[in-house]
């Protein structure tokens, strides 16, 4: 049985897009990470996709800024990232454990 995840906190549409785009950037960086990848083609494809994801991240932040959302509610966004498995996804960006190689 799969455990029930806590609900996402209430986010503005722009905050939701920020979280989604941030995690997509993290995913691409994890695929590029030279300490965890084994093929240049996959890393190249991830690097190419990273450009578009970075633009989406920038756009989400621009929308927030234009709407007057001048503060980032870090605790709320961190809860959303945790619900969306952000810790595991971000772990792929770090150096691989040397004992595993």
C-alpha atoms as a PDB file:
ATOM      1  CA  UNK A   1       0.000   0.000   0.000  1.00  0.00           C
ATOM      2  CA  UNK A   2       1.339   3.424  -0.982  1.00  0.00           C
ATOM      3  CA  UNK A   3       1.375   5.919   1.892  1.00  0.00           C
ATOM      4  CA  UNK A   4      -0.832   8.959   1.455  1.00  0.00           C
ATOM      5  CA  UNK A   5       1.167  12.105   0.784  1.00  0.00           C
ATOM      6  CA  UNK A   6       0.371  15.298   2.621  1.00  0.00           C
ATOM      7  CA  UNK A   7      -1.544  17.799   0.523  1.00  0.00           C
ATOM      8  CA  UNK A   8       0.304  20.532  -1.302  1.00  0.00           C
ATOM      9  CA  UNK A   9       0.153  23.856   0.488  1.00  0.00           C
ATOM     10  CA  UNK A  10      -1.926  26.600  -1.093  1.00  0.00           C
ATOM     11  CA  UNK A  11       0.188  28.332  -3.739  1.00  0.00           C
ATOM     12  CA  UNK A  12      -0.471  31.077  -6.231  1.00  0.00           C
ATOM     13  CA  UNK A  13      -0.364  29.947  -9.839  1.00  0.00           C
ATOM     14  CA  UNK A  14       3.034  31.652 -10.247  1.00  0.00           C
ATOM     15  CA  UNK A  15       4.376  29.936  -7.110  1.00  0.00           C
ATOM     16  CA  UNK A  16       3.196  26.603  -8.474  1.00  0.00           C
ATOM     17  CA  UNK A  17       4.925  27.320 -11.769  1.00  0.00           C
ATOM     18  CA  UNK A  18       8.067  28.366  -9.872  1.00  0.00           C
ATOM     19  CA  UNK A  19       8.131  25.092  -7.942  1.00  0.00           C
ATOM     20  CA  UNK A  20       7.464  23.023 -11.068  1.00  0.00           C
ATOM     21  CA  UNK A  21      10.099  24.822 -13.138  1.00  0.00           C
ATOM     22  CA  UNK A  22      12.646  24.652 -10.308  1.00  0.00           C
ATOM     23  CA  UNK A  23      12.199  20.895 -10.004  1.00  0.00           C
ATOM     24  CA  UNK A  24      12.491  20.480 -13.763  1.00  0.00           C
ATOM     25  CA  UNK A  25      15.793  22.402 -13.668  1.00  0.00           C
ATOM     26  CA  UNK A  26      16.978  20.199 -10.785  1.00  0.00           C
ATOM     27  CA  UNK A  27      16.013  17.074 -12.752  1.00  0.00           C
ATOM     28  CA  UNK A  28      18.008  18.219 -15.792  1.00  0.00           C
ATOM     29  CA  UNK A  29      21.028  19.120 -13.645  1.00  0.00           C
ATOM     30  CA  UNK A  30      20.851  15.668 -12.081  1.00  0.00           C
ATOM     31  CA  UNK A  31      20.958  14.104 -15.553  1.00  0.00           C
ATOM     32  CA  UNK A  32      23.948  16.260 -16.497  1.00  0.00           C
ATOM     33  CA  UNK A  33      25.893  15.582 -13.270  1.00  0.00           C
ATOM     34  CA  UNK A  34      29.183  14.044 -14.483  1.00  0.00           C
ATOM     35  CA  UNK A  35      29.633  12.119 -11.233  1.00  0.00           C
ATOM     36  CA  UNK A  36      26.360  10.268 -11.856  1.00  0.00           C
ATOM     37  CA  UNK A  37      26.050   9.949 -15.638  1.00  0.00           C
ATOM     38  CA  UNK A  38      27.741   7.465 -17.895  1.00  0.00           C
ATOM     39  CA  UNK A  39      26.926   8.692 -21.411  1.00  0.00           C
ATOM     40  CA  UNK A  40      27.563  12.045 -23.033  1.00  0.00           C
ATOM     41  CA  UNK A  41      24.457  11.874 -25.229  1.00  0.00           C
ATOM     42  CA  UNK A  42      22.065  11.770 -22.279  1.00  0.00           C
ATOM     43  CA  UNK A  43      23.916  14.605 -20.573  1.00  0.00           C
ATOM     44  CA  UNK A  44      23.866  16.608 -23.823  1.00  0.00           C
ATOM     45  CA  UNK A  45      20.097  16.148 -24.178  1.00  0.00           C
ATOM     46  CA  UNK A  46      19.602  17.205 -20.565  1.00  0.00           C
ATOM     47  CA  UNK A  47      21.784  20.291 -21.095  1.00  0.00           C
ATOM     48  CA  UNK A  48      19.732  21.229 -24.134  1.00  0.00           C
ATOM     49  CA  UNK A  49      16.485  20.812 -22.176  1.00  0.00           C
ATOM     50  CA  UNK A  50      17.928  22.810 -19.278  1.00  0.00           C
ATOM     51  CA  UNK A  51      17.853  25.982 -21.353  1.00  0.00           C
ATOM     52  CA  UNK A  52      14.085  25.805 -21.804  1.00  0.00           C
ATOM     53  CA  UNK A  53      13.484  24.895 -18.184  1.00  0.00           C
ATOM     54  CA  UNK A  54      15.633  27.824 -17.014  1.00  0.00           C
ATOM     55  CA  UNK A  55      13.535  30.154 -19.182  1.00  0.00           C
ATOM     56  CA  UNK A  56      10.350  28.788 -17.577  1.00  0.00           C
ATOM     57  CA  UNK A  57      11.870  29.340 -14.134  1.00  0.00           C
ATOM     58  CA  UNK A  58      12.795  32.918 -15.028  1.00  0.00           C
ATOM     59  CA  UNK A  59       9.322  33.540 -16.442  1.00  0.00           C
ATOM     60  CA  UNK A  60       7.615  32.286 -13.272  1.00  0.00           C
ATOM     61  CA  UNK A  61       9.741  34.626 -11.184  1.00  0.00           C
ATOM     62  CA  UNK A  62       9.026  37.532 -13.533  1.00  0.00           C
ATOM     63  CA  UNK A  63       5.281  36.936 -13.217  1.00  0.00           C
ATOM     64  CA  UNK A  64       5.561  36.868  -9.438  1.00  0.00           C
ATOM     65  CA  UNK A  65       7.550  40.103  -9.455  1.00  0.00           C
ATOM     66  CA  UNK A  66       5.135  41.866 -11.818  1.00  0.00           C
ATOM     67  CA  UNK A  67       2.172  40.853  -9.653  1.00  0.00           C
ATOM     68  CA  UNK A  68       3.826  42.390  -6.623  1.00  0.00           C
ATOM     69  CA  UNK A  69       4.768  39.068  -5.043  1.00  0.00           C
ATOM     70  CA  UNK A  70       8.025  40.525  -3.770  1.00  0.00           C
ATOM     71  CA  UNK A  71       8.674  37.911  -1.091  1.00  0.00           C
ATOM     72  CA  UNK A  72       9.328  34.220  -1.470  1.00  0.00           C
ATOM     73  CA  UNK A  73       7.567  32.259   1.241  1.00  0.00           C
ATOM     74  CA  UNK A  74      10.398  29.787   1.736  1.00  0.00           C
ATOM     75  CA  UNK A  75       8.725  27.569   4.331  1.00  0.00           C
ATOM     76  CA  UNK A  76       5.596  27.111   2.209  1.00  0.00           C
ATOM     77  CA  UNK A  77       7.573  26.486  -0.966  1.00  0.00           C
ATOM     78  CA  UNK A  78       9.856  24.038   0.882  1.00  0.00           C
ATOM     79  CA  UNK A  79       6.769  22.081   1.993  1.00  0.00           C
ATOM     80  CA  UNK A  80       5.592  21.942  -1.617  1.00  0.00           C
ATOM     81  CA  UNK A  81       9.040  20.780  -2.771  1.00  0.00           C
ATOM     82  CA  UNK A  82       9.057  18.016  -0.143  1.00  0.00           C
ATOM     83  CA  UNK A  83       5.601  16.784  -1.188  1.00  0.00           C
ATOM     84  CA  UNK A  84       6.844  16.681  -4.800  1.00  0.00           C
ATOM     85  CA  UNK A  85       9.894  14.571  -3.839  1.00  0.00           C
ATOM     86  CA  UNK A  86      12.258  17.526  -4.147  1.00  0.00           C
ATOM     87  CA  UNK A  87      14.801  16.166  -1.666  1.00  0.00           C
ATOM     88  CA  UNK A  88      15.379  12.984  -3.654  1.00  0.00           C
ATOM     89  CA  UNK A  89      15.427  14.872  -6.930  1.00  0.00           C
ATOM     90  CA  UNK A  90      17.904  17.463  -5.624  1.00  0.00           C
ATOM     91  CA  UNK A  91      20.155  14.715  -4.249  1.00  0.00           C
ATOM     92  CA  UNK A  92      21.015  13.722  -7.847  1.00  0.00           C
ATOM     93  CA  UNK A  93      22.707  17.121  -8.291  1.00  0.00           C
ATOM     94  CA  UNK A  94      25.255  16.389  -5.549  1.00  0.00           C
ATOM     95  CA  UNK A  95      28.420  14.362  -6.012  1.00  0.00           C
ATOM     96  CA  UNK A  96      27.927  10.624  -6.120  1.00  0.00           C
ATOM     97  CA  UNK A  97      29.067   8.666  -3.099  1.00  0.00           C
ATOM     98  CA  UNK A  98      32.624   7.474  -3.849  1.00  0.00           C
ATOM     99  CA  UNK A  99      32.000   4.124  -2.147  1.00  0.00           C
ATOM    100  CA  UNK A 100      29.328   3.319  -4.754  1.00  0.00           C
ATOM    101  CA  UNK A 101      31.622   3.671  -7.789  1.00  0.00           C
END
